[in-house]
C-alpha atoms as a PDB file:
ATOM      1  CA  UNK A   1     -10.232  -5.036 -15.276  1.00  0.00           C
ATOM      2  CA  UNK A   2      -7.176  -6.485 -16.947  1.00  0.00           C
ATOM      3  CA  UNK A   3      -4.343  -5.054 -19.012  1.00  0.00           C
ATOM      4  CA  UNK A   4      -0.818  -6.124 -19.777  1.00  0.00           C
ATOM      5  CA  UNK A   5       0.958  -4.345 -16.936  1.00  0.00           C
ATOM      6  CA  UNK A   6      -1.547  -4.531 -14.058  1.00  0.00           C
ATOM      7  CA  UNK A   7      -4.267  -7.092 -13.357  1.00  0.00           C
ATOM      8  CA  UNK A   8      -7.191  -6.739 -11.002  1.00  0.00           C
ATOM      9  CA  UNK A   9      -9.000  -9.773  -9.647  1.00  0.00           C
ATOM     10  CA  UNK A  10     -11.236 -10.938  -6.797  1.00  0.00           C
ATOM     11  CA  UNK A  11      -9.567 -13.870  -5.015  1.00  0.00           C
ATOM     12  CA  UNK A  12     -12.161 -13.892  -2.224  1.00  0.00           C
ATOM     13  CA  UNK A  13     -15.451 -12.221  -1.416  1.00  0.00           C
ATOM     14  CA  UNK A  14     -14.780  -8.584  -0.613  1.00  0.00           C
ATOM     15  CA  UNK A  15     -11.065  -8.788  -1.510  1.00  0.00           C
ATOM     16  CA  UNK A  16      -9.629  -7.171  -4.653  1.00  0.00           C
ATOM     17  CA  UNK A  17      -6.135  -8.217  -5.712  1.00  0.00           C
ATOM     18  CA  UNK A  18      -3.970  -5.821  -7.711  1.00  0.00           C
ATOM     19  CA  UNK A  19      -0.991  -7.538  -9.334  1.00  0.00           C
ATOM     20  CA  UNK A  20       1.891  -5.649 -10.927  1.00  0.00           C
ATOM     21  CA  UNK A  21       2.485  -7.666 -14.071  1.00  0.00           C
ATOM     22  CA  UNK A  22       5.799  -6.978 -15.789  1.00  0.00           C
ATOM     23  CA  UNK A  23       7.663 -10.035 -14.481  1.00  0.00           C
ATOM     24  CA  UNK A  24      10.261  -9.942 -17.257  1.00  0.00           C
ATOM     25  CA  UNK A  25      11.249  -6.439 -16.043  1.00  0.00           C
ATOM     26  CA  UNK A  26      10.855  -7.199 -12.295  1.00  0.00           C
ATOM     27  CA  UNK A  27       7.627  -5.164 -12.360  1.00  0.00           C
ATOM     28  CA  UNK A  28       9.595  -1.944 -12.727  1.00  0.00           C
ATOM     29  CA  UNK A  29       7.595   1.242 -13.206  1.00  0.00           C
ATOM     30  CA  UNK A  30       7.043   2.589 -16.670  1.00  0.00           C
ATOM     31  CA  UNK A  31       4.248   4.787 -18.032  1.00  0.00           C
ATOM     32  CA  UNK A  32       1.996   1.823 -18.807  1.00  0.00           C
ATOM     33  CA  UNK A  33       2.366   0.165 -15.397  1.00  0.00           C
ATOM     34  CA  UNK A  34       1.810   3.434 -13.528  1.00  0.00           C
ATOM     35  CA  UNK A  35      -1.271   4.221 -15.627  1.00  0.00           C
ATOM     36  CA  UNK A  36      -2.578   0.691 -15.092  1.00  0.00           C
ATOM     37  CA  UNK A  37      -2.122   0.958 -11.345  1.00  0.00           C
ATOM     38  CA  UNK A  38      -3.971   4.285 -11.303  1.00  0.00           C
ATOM     39  CA  UNK A  39      -6.859   2.666 -13.214  1.00  0.00           C
ATOM     40  CA  UNK A  40      -6.981  -0.254 -10.790  1.00  0.00           C
ATOM     41  CA  UNK A  41      -7.082   2.137  -7.839  1.00  0.00           C
ATOM     42  CA  UNK A  42      -9.849   4.125  -9.558  1.00  0.00           C
ATOM     43  CA  UNK A  43     -11.937   0.970  -9.691  1.00  0.00           C
ATOM     44  CA  UNK A  44     -11.378  -0.329  -6.176  1.00  0.00           C
ATOM     45  CA  UNK A  45     -11.769   3.108  -4.584  1.00  0.00           C
ATOM     46  CA  UNK A  46     -15.467   3.302  -5.521  1.00  0.00           C
ATOM     47  CA  UNK A  47     -16.228  -0.416  -5.032  1.00  0.00           C
ATOM     48  CA  UNK A  48     -18.453  -0.563  -1.953  1.00  0.00           C
ATOM     49  CA  UNK A  49     -18.272  -4.360  -1.970  1.00  0.00           C
ATOM     50  CA  UNK A  50     -14.482  -4.189  -1.588  1.00  0.00           C
ATOM     51  CA  UNK A  51     -13.361  -4.600   2.006  1.00  0.00           C
ATOM     52  CA  UNK A  52      -9.614  -5.181   1.591  1.00  0.00           C
ATOM     53  CA  UNK A  53      -7.105  -4.591  -1.214  1.00  0.00           C
ATOM     54  CA  UNK A  54      -4.238  -7.033  -1.745  1.00  0.00           C
ATOM     55  CA  UNK A  55      -1.214  -5.638  -3.634  1.00  0.00           C
ATOM     56  CA  UNK A  56       1.474  -7.973  -4.995  1.00  0.00           C
ATOM     57  CA  UNK A  57       3.777  -8.581  -7.935  1.00  0.00           C
ATOM     58  CA  UNK A  58       3.976 -11.249 -10.624  1.00  0.00           C
ATOM     59  CA  UNK A  59       7.066 -13.415 -10.924  1.00  0.00           C
ATOM     60  CA  UNK A  60      10.079 -13.097  -8.646  1.00  0.00           C
ATOM     61  CA  UNK A  61       9.824  -9.399  -7.737  1.00  0.00           C
ATOM     62  CA  UNK A  62       7.297  -7.092  -6.125  1.00  0.00           C
ATOM     63  CA  UNK A  63       8.518  -3.940  -7.875  1.00  0.00           C
ATOM     64  CA  UNK A  64      12.179  -3.121  -8.443  1.00  0.00           C
ATOM     65  CA  UNK A  65      11.564   0.608  -8.833  1.00  0.00           C
ATOM     66  CA  UNK A  66      11.723   2.789 -11.930  1.00  0.00           C
ATOM     67  CA  UNK A  67      12.489   1.146 -15.252  1.00  0.00           C
ATOM     68  CA  UNK A  68      15.893   2.646 -15.997  1.00  0.00           C
ATOM     69  CA  UNK A  69      15.626   1.460 -19.608  1.00  0.00           C
ATOM     70  CA  UNK A  70      13.051   4.188 -20.143  1.00  0.00           C
ATOM     71  CA  UNK A  71       9.672   5.363 -18.896  1.00  0.00           C
ATOM     72  CA  UNK A  72       8.093   5.010 -22.331  1.00  0.00           C
ATOM     73  CA  UNK A  73       6.386   8.361 -22.862  1.00  0.00           C
ATOM     74  CA  UNK A  74       8.498  10.410 -25.304  1.00  0.00           C
ATOM     75  CA  UNK A  75       5.418  12.326 -26.457  1.00  0.00           C
ATOM     76  CA  UNK A  76       5.155  14.008 -23.075  1.00  0.00           C
ATOM     77  CA  UNK A  77       8.504  15.756 -23.508  1.00  0.00           C
ATOM     78  CA  UNK A  78       7.638  16.780 -27.049  1.00  0.00           C
ATOM     79  CA  UNK A  79       4.388  18.320 -25.818  1.00  0.00           C
ATOM     80  CA  UNK A  80       5.534  19.908 -22.546  1.00  0.00           C
ATOM     81  CA  UNK A  81       9.296  20.311 -22.786  1.00  0.00           C
ATOM     82  CA  UNK A  82      11.779  18.386 -20.637  1.00  0.00           C
ATOM     83  CA  UNK A  83      11.462  20.294 -17.307  1.00  0.00           C
ATOM     84  CA  UNK A  84       7.657  20.284 -17.148  1.00  0.00           C
ATOM     85  CA  UNK A  85       7.370  16.770 -18.563  1.00  0.00           C
ATOM     86  CA  UNK A  86       9.795  15.499 -15.918  1.00  0.00           C
ATOM     87  CA  UNK A  87       7.789  17.198 -13.162  1.00  0.00           C
ATOM     88  CA  UNK A  88       4.521  15.857 -14.565  1.00  0.00           C
ATOM     89  CA  UNK A  89       5.951  12.329 -14.694  1.00  0.00           C
ATOM     90  CA  UNK A  90       7.263  12.641 -11.127  1.00  0.00           C
ATOM     91  CA  UNK A  91       3.849  13.730  -9.848  1.00  0.00           C
ATOM     92  CA  UNK A  92       2.134  10.907 -11.714  1.00  0.00           C
ATOM     93  CA  UNK A  93       4.295   8.301  -9.962  1.00  0.00           C
ATOM     94  CA  UNK A  94       4.213   9.985  -6.554  1.00  0.00           C
ATOM     95  CA  UNK A  95       0.395  10.166  -6.563  1.00  0.00           C
ATOM     96  CA  UNK A  96       0.329   6.375  -6.300  1.00  0.00           C
ATOM     97  CA  UNK A  97       1.672   6.575  -2.752  1.00  0.00           C
ATOM     98  CA  UNK A  98      -0.948   9.131  -1.761  1.00  0.00           C
ATOM     99  CA  UNK A  99      -3.721   7.132  -3.398  1.00  0.00           C
ATOM    100  CA  UNK A 100      -2.865   3.925  -1.537  1.00  0.00           C
ATOM    101  CA  UNK A 101      -2.630   5.952   1.640  1.00  0.00           C
ATOM    102  CA  UNK A 102      -6.039   7.579   1.029  1.00  0.00           C
ATOM    103  CA  UNK A 103      -7.987   4.499  -0.119  1.00  0.00           C
ATOM    104  CA  UNK A 104     -10.987   3.828   2.150  1.00  0.00           C
ATOM    105  CA  UNK A 105     -10.026   0.133   2.203  1.00  0.00           C
ATOM    106  CA  UNK A 106      -6.985  -1.236   4.039  1.00  0.00           C
ATOM    107  CA  UNK A 107      -4.191  -2.357   1.719  1.00  0.00           C
ATOM    108  CA  UNK A 108      -2.158  -5.496   2.409  1.00  0.00           C
ATOM    109  CA  UNK A 109       1.154  -5.608   0.554  1.00  0.00           C
ATOM    110  CA  UNK A 110       2.154  -9.212  -0.173  1.00  0.00           C
ATOM    111  CA  UNK A 111       5.826  -8.742  -0.996  1.00  0.00           C
ATOM    112  CA  UNK A 112       7.020 -11.668  -3.075  1.00  0.00           C
ATOM    113  CA  UNK A 113      10.491 -10.399  -3.964  1.00  0.00           C
ATOM    114  CA  UNK A 114      12.529  -7.240  -4.482  1.00  0.00           C
ATOM    115  CA  UNK A 115      10.843  -3.979  -3.463  1.00  0.00           C
ATOM    116  CA  UNK A 116      13.184  -1.104  -4.228  1.00  0.00           C
ATOM    117  CA  UNK A 117      12.751   2.588  -4.913  1.00  0.00           C
ATOM    118  CA  UNK A 118       9.188   3.160  -6.032  1.00  0.00           C
ATOM    119  CA  UNK A 119       8.393  -0.426  -5.118  1.00  0.00           C
ATOM    120  CA  UNK A 120       9.442   0.239  -1.532  1.00  0.00           C
ATOM    121  CA  UNK A 121       7.239   3.346  -1.537  1.00  0.00           C
ATOM    122  CA  UNK A 122       4.217   1.229  -2.521  1.00  0.00           C
ATOM    123  CA  UNK A 123       4.996  -1.196   0.299  1.00  0.00           C
ATOM    124  CA  UNK A 124       5.336   1.598   2.854  1.00  0.00           C
ATOM    125  CA  UNK A 125       2.090   3.230   1.729  1.00  0.00           C
ATOM    126  CA  UNK A 126       0.221  -0.014   2.381  1.00  0.00           C
ATOM    127  CA  UNK A 127      -1.363  -0.592   5.774  1.00  0.00           C
ATOM    128  CA  UNK A 128      -0.169  -4.145   6.472  1.00  0.00           C
ATOM    129  CA  UNK A 129       3.009  -5.608   4.980  1.00  0.00           C
ATOM    130  CA  UNK A 130       3.748  -9.341   4.664  1.00  0.00           C
ATOM    131  CA  UNK A 131       6.766 -10.747   2.835  1.00  0.00           C
ATOM    132  CA  UNK A 132       8.592 -13.915   1.940  1.00  0.00           C
ATOM    133  CA  UNK A 133      12.102 -14.601   3.299  1.00  0.00           C
ATOM    134  CA  UNK A 134      13.456 -13.951  -0.202  1.00  0.00           C
ATOM    135  CA  UNK A 135      12.124 -10.377  -0.295  1.00  0.00           C
ATOM    136  CA  UNK A 136      14.732  -7.612  -0.240  1.00  0.00           C
ATOM    137  CA  UNK A 137      14.230  -3.895   0.179  1.00  0.00           C
ATOM    138  CA  UNK A 138      16.174  -0.751  -0.655  1.00  0.00           C
ATOM    139  CA  UNK A 139      15.482   2.961  -0.844  1.00  0.00           C
ATOM    140  CA  UNK A 140      17.775   2.865  -3.917  1.00  0.00           C
ATOM    141  CA  UNK A 141      16.945   6.322  -5.351  1.00  0.00           C
ATOM    142  CA  UNK A 142      20.199   7.619  -3.900  1.00  0.00           C
ATOM    143  CA  UNK A 143      22.199   4.827  -5.585  1.00  0.00           C
ATOM    144  CA  UNK A 144      20.882   6.008  -8.966  1.00  0.00           C
ATOM    145  CA  UNK A 145      22.076   9.569  -8.386  1.00  0.00           C
ATOM    146  CA  UNK A 146      18.810  11.025  -7.085  1.00  0.00           C
ATOM    147  CA  UNK A 147      17.751  12.165  -3.630  1.00  0.00           C
ATOM    148  CA  UNK A 148      16.593   9.391  -1.320  1.00  0.00           C
ATOM    149  CA  UNK A 149      13.591  11.584  -0.492  1.00  0.00           C
ATOM    150  CA  UNK A 150      11.104  10.486  -3.137  1.00  0.00           C
ATOM    151  CA  UNK A 151       7.530   9.217  -3.579  1.00  0.00           C
ATOM    152  CA  UNK A 152       6.698   9.769   0.089  1.00  0.00           C
ATOM    153  CA  UNK A 153       9.492   7.587   1.493  1.00  0.00           C
ATOM    154  CA  UNK A 154      10.986  10.407   3.580  1.00  0.00           C
ATOM    155  CA  UNK A 155       7.635  10.747   5.399  1.00  0.00           C
ATOM    156  CA  UNK A 156       6.592   7.102   5.584  1.00  0.00           C
ATOM    157  CA  UNK A 157       9.785   5.247   6.444  1.00  0.00           C
ATOM    158  CA  UNK A 158      10.695   7.208   9.627  1.00  0.00           C
ATOM    159  CA  UNK A 159       7.153   6.787  10.929  1.00  0.00           C
ATOM    160  CA  UNK A 160       7.245   3.033  10.384  1.00  0.00           C
ATOM    161  CA  UNK A 161      10.775   2.090  11.494  1.00  0.00           C
ATOM    162  CA  UNK A 162      11.856   5.207  13.424  1.00  0.00           C
ATOM    163  CA  UNK A 163      13.959   8.159  12.346  1.00  0.00           C
ATOM    164  CA  UNK A 164      17.341   6.689  13.312  1.00  0.00           C
ATOM    165  CA  UNK A 165      17.017   3.524  11.237  1.00  0.00           C
ATOM    166  CA  UNK A 166      15.282   5.354   8.381  1.00  0.00           C
ATOM    167  CA  UNK A 167      18.112   7.877   8.110  1.00  0.00           C
ATOM    168  CA  UNK A 168      20.689   5.093   7.878  1.00  0.00           C
ATOM    169  CA  UNK A 169      18.718   3.220   5.214  1.00  0.00           C
ATOM    170  CA  UNK A 170      18.087   6.361   3.182  1.00  0.00           C
ATOM    171  CA  UNK A 171      21.623   7.748   3.333  1.00  0.00           C
ATOM    172  CA  UNK A 172      23.271   4.436   2.405  1.00  0.00           C
ATOM    173  CA  UNK A 173      20.641   3.089   0.001  1.00  0.00           C
ATOM    174  CA  UNK A 174      21.759  -0.384   1.042  1.00  0.00           C
ATOM    175  CA  UNK A 175      19.663  -3.496   0.636  1.00  0.00           C
ATOM    176  CA  UNK A 176      18.014  -4.943   3.713  1.00  0.00           C
ATOM    177  CA  UNK A 177      16.395  -8.322   4.146  1.00  0.00           C
ATOM    178  CA  UNK A 178      12.878  -9.350   5.085  1.00  0.00           C
ATOM    179  CA  UNK A 179      14.268 -10.524   8.424  1.00  0.00           C
ATOM    180  CA  UNK A 180      15.715  -7.079   9.162  1.00  0.00           C
ATOM    181  CA  UNK A 181      12.531  -5.375   7.959  1.00  0.00           C
ATOM    182  CA  UNK A 182      10.478  -7.519  10.326  1.00  0.00           C
ATOM    183  CA  UNK A 183      12.786  -6.720  13.245  1.00  0.00           C
ATOM    184  CA  UNK A 184      12.442  -3.012  12.478  1.00  0.00           C
ATOM    185  CA  UNK A 185       8.648  -3.263  12.528  1.00  0.00           C
ATOM    186  CA  UNK A 186       8.171  -2.640   8.818  1.00  0.00           C
ATOM    187  CA  UNK A 187       6.739  -6.112   8.199  1.00  0.00           C
ATOM    188  CA  UNK A 188       3.920  -7.715  10.157  1.00  0.00           C
ATOM    189  CA  UNK A 189       4.968 -11.238   9.119  1.00  0.00           C
ATOM    190  CA  UNK A 190       7.531 -13.151   7.078  1.00  0.00           C
ATOM    191  CA  UNK A 191       6.115 -16.376   5.649  1.00  0.00           C
ATOM    192  CA  UNK A 192       7.216 -19.011   3.105  1.00  0.00           C
ATOM    193  CA  UNK A 193       6.569 -18.066  -0.513  1.00  0.00           C
ATOM    194  CA  UNK A 194       3.943 -20.771  -0.934  1.00  0.00           C
ATOM    195  CA  UNK A 195       2.017 -19.293   2.007  1.00  0.00           C
ATOM    196  CA  UNK A 196       2.276 -15.600   1.069  1.00  0.00           C
ATOM    197  CA  UNK A 197      -1.072 -15.029  -0.653  1.00  0.00           C
ATOM    198  CA  UNK A 198      -2.898 -17.415   1.664  1.00  0.00           C
ATOM    199  CA  UNK A 199      -1.563 -15.537   4.688  1.00  0.00           C
ATOM    200  CA  UNK A 200      -2.592 -12.208   3.174  1.00  0.00           C
ATOM    201  CA  UNK A 201      -6.096 -13.552   2.516  1.00  0.00           C
ATOM    202  CA  UNK A 202      -6.326 -14.878   6.070  1.00  0.00           C
ATOM    203  CA  UNK A 203      -5.450 -11.409   7.347  1.00  0.00           C
ATOM    204  CA  UNK A 204      -8.097  -9.945   5.032  1.00  0.00           C
ATOM    205  CA  UNK A 205     -10.679 -12.299   6.534  1.00  0.00           C
ATOM    206  CA  UNK A 206      -9.743 -11.090  10.016  1.00  0.00           C
ATOM    207  CA  UNK A 207     -10.273  -7.491   8.908  1.00  0.00           C
ATOM    208  CA  UNK A 208     -13.638  -8.394   7.371  1.00  0.00           C
ATOM    209  CA  UNK A 209     -14.915  -9.480  10.800  1.00  0.00           C
ATOM    210  CA  UNK A 210     -15.133  -5.750  11.557  1.00  0.00           C
ATOM    211  CA  UNK A 211     -17.714  -3.325  10.167  1.00  0.00           C
ATOM    212  CA  UNK A 212     -16.703  -1.602   6.894  1.00  0.00           C
ATOM    213  CA  UNK A 213     -17.082   1.974   8.179  1.00  0.00           C
ATOM    214  CA  UNK A 214     -15.219   1.095  11.368  1.00  0.00           C
ATOM    215  CA  UNK A 215     -12.300  -0.280   9.343  1.00  0.00           C
ATOM    216  CA  UNK A 216     -12.230   2.676   6.948  1.00  0.00           C
ATOM    217  CA  UNK A 217     -12.349   5.300   9.686  1.00  0.00           C
ATOM    218  CA  UNK A 218      -9.749   3.417  11.729  1.00  0.00           C
ATOM    219  CA  UNK A 219      -7.363   3.425   8.767  1.00  0.00           C
ATOM    220  CA  UNK A 220      -7.970   7.139   8.271  1.00  0.00           C
ATOM    221  CA  UNK A 221      -7.577   7.861  11.968  1.00  0.00           C
ATOM    222  CA  UNK A 222      -4.347   5.927  12.415  1.00  0.00           C
ATOM    223  CA  UNK A 223      -2.598   7.736   9.564  1.00  0.00           C
ATOM    224  CA  UNK A 224      -4.036  11.115  10.594  1.00  0.00           C
ATOM    225  CA  UNK A 225      -2.807  10.634  14.166  1.00  0.00           C
ATOM    226  CA  UNK A 226       0.776  10.481  12.881  1.00  0.00           C
ATOM    227  CA  UNK A 227       0.417  14.099  11.786  1.00  0.00           C
ATOM    228  CA  UNK A 228      -1.329  15.445  14.880  1.00  0.00           C
ATOM    229  CA  UNK A 229       0.735  17.571  17.260  1.00  0.00           C
ATOM    230  CA  UNK A 230      -0.911  16.627  20.570  1.00  0.00           C
ATOM    231  CA  UNK A 231      -2.733  13.816  22.339  1.00  0.00           C
ATOM    232  CA  UNK A 232      -5.696  16.138  22.878  1.00  0.00           C
ATOM    233  CA  UNK A 233      -6.027  16.690  19.123  1.00  0.00           C
ATOM    234  CA  UNK A 234      -6.010  12.949  18.466  1.00  0.00           C
ATOM    235  CA  UNK A 235      -8.626  12.323  21.139  1.00  0.00           C
ATOM    236  CA  UNK A 236     -10.959  14.955  19.703  1.00  0.00           C
ATOM    237  CA  UNK A 237     -10.616  13.284  16.295  1.00  0.00           C
ATOM    238  CA  UNK A 238     -11.271   9.880  17.850  1.00  0.00           C
ATOM    239  CA  UNK A 239     -14.364  11.169  19.656  1.00  0.00           C
ATOM    240  CA  UNK A 240     -15.990  12.038  16.346  1.00  0.00           C
ATOM    241  CA  UNK A 241     -15.079   8.672  14.859  1.00  0.00           C
ATOM    242  CA  UNK A 242     -16.624   6.863  17.807  1.00  0.00           C
ATOM    243  CA  UNK A 243     -19.909   8.757  17.529  1.00  0.00           C
ATOM    244  CA  UNK A 244     -20.164   8.225  13.759  1.00  0.00           C
ATOM    245  CA  UNK A 245     -19.478   4.478  13.937  1.00  0.00           C
ATOM    246  CA  UNK A 246     -21.693   3.955  16.983  1.00  0.00           C
ATOM    247  CA  UNK A 247     -24.717   5.254  15.072  1.00  0.00           C
ATOM    248  CA  UNK A 248     -24.326   2.972  12.030  1.00  0.00           C
ATOM    249  CA  UNK A 249     -26.530  -0.052  11.407  1.00  0.00           C
ATOM    250  CA  UNK A 250     -23.410  -2.194  11.197  1.00  0.00           C
ATOM    251  CA  UNK A 251     -22.428  -1.252  14.761  1.00  0.00           C
ATOM    252  CA  UNK A 252     -25.718  -2.667  16.033  1.00  0.00           C
ATOM    253  CA  UNK A 253     -25.126  -5.802  13.947  1.00  0.00           C
ATOM    254  CA  UNK A 254     -21.598  -6.193  15.362  1.00  0.00           C
ATOM    255  CA  UNK A 255     -22.920  -6.060  18.912  1.00  0.00           C
ATOM    256  CA  UNK A 256     -25.766  -8.469  18.146  1.00  0.00           C
ATOM    257  CA  UNK A 257     -23.409 -10.943  16.453  1.00  0.00           C
ATOM    258  CA  UNK A 258     -21.069 -10.827  19.442  1.00  0.00           C
ATOM    259  CA  UNK A 259     -23.856 -11.462  21.936  1.00  0.00           C
ATOM    260  CA  UNK A 260     -25.410 -14.201  19.791  1.00  0.00           C
ATOM    261  CA  UNK A 261     -22.008 -15.809  19.103  1.00  0.00           C
ATOM    262  CA  UNK A 262     -22.448 -15.799  15.319  1.00  0.00           C
ATOM    263  CA  UNK A 263     -20.594 -14.258  12.358  1.00  0.00           C
ATOM    264  CA  UNK A 264     -21.706 -10.681  11.598  1.00  0.00           C
ATOM    265  CA  UNK A 265     -23.558  -9.778   8.399  1.00  0.00           C
ATOM    266  CA  UNK A 266     -22.687  -6.198   7.499  1.00  0.00           C
ATOM    267  CA  UNK A 267     -24.630  -3.949   5.116  1.00  0.00           C
ATOM    268  CA  UNK A 268     -22.099  -1.063   4.970  1.00  0.00           C
ATOM    269  CA  UNK A 269     -24.734   1.295   6.343  1.00  0.00           C
END
């Protein structure tokens, strides 16, 4: 799949790379980019050969948020009226966060530059986040006159960096550096720009050493555990995951590969 605003490639076996591709506009979100990202997610979601998704931006930014020059869908307001068109547009953008969160494959965000507003939401919805030293982050919605609670950020950011730091970042809307984001636990690594994609692919290869169903259920379980009220609830959920994965063909292959000291060959069964 390829279009003007979003490209989808396969940089390595089992790895699909989604690139936001409006570099002249810092990959800001308009109707075409959002639609293109939805289409890319449609494709990778049902790709059983996909093991890991890599999300990045073209040029010097990851995604600088909403395109304030215009979303580019005047027909929607003509058809639905301003209030309902605005709500429909909001839901269309916000679904991207939920879709990344719900993908069966882990998502690695390779943050090559500014990630603000909706761009920050995409980063937070990813499972592993790696950035260059030049990357900068900001909630930014509040600086544009909106609430800072948008596109899932009010749920995701406190769970990743803690409520105290998240509240400060959301109420001020200030920019924060890759170094600060790493200290806060938002980023797994900060690496030189020339090593960003290579580092993300190396992390993807580490993930691929594990059985596909085990990875998918682990992703699901980790996010679900953040919403569970008690340890007992989480353990009951984990018990079911352990039984399901233990009975797969790939679990037997993982054990055999370990004992025979060889790379595993998974069948996703």
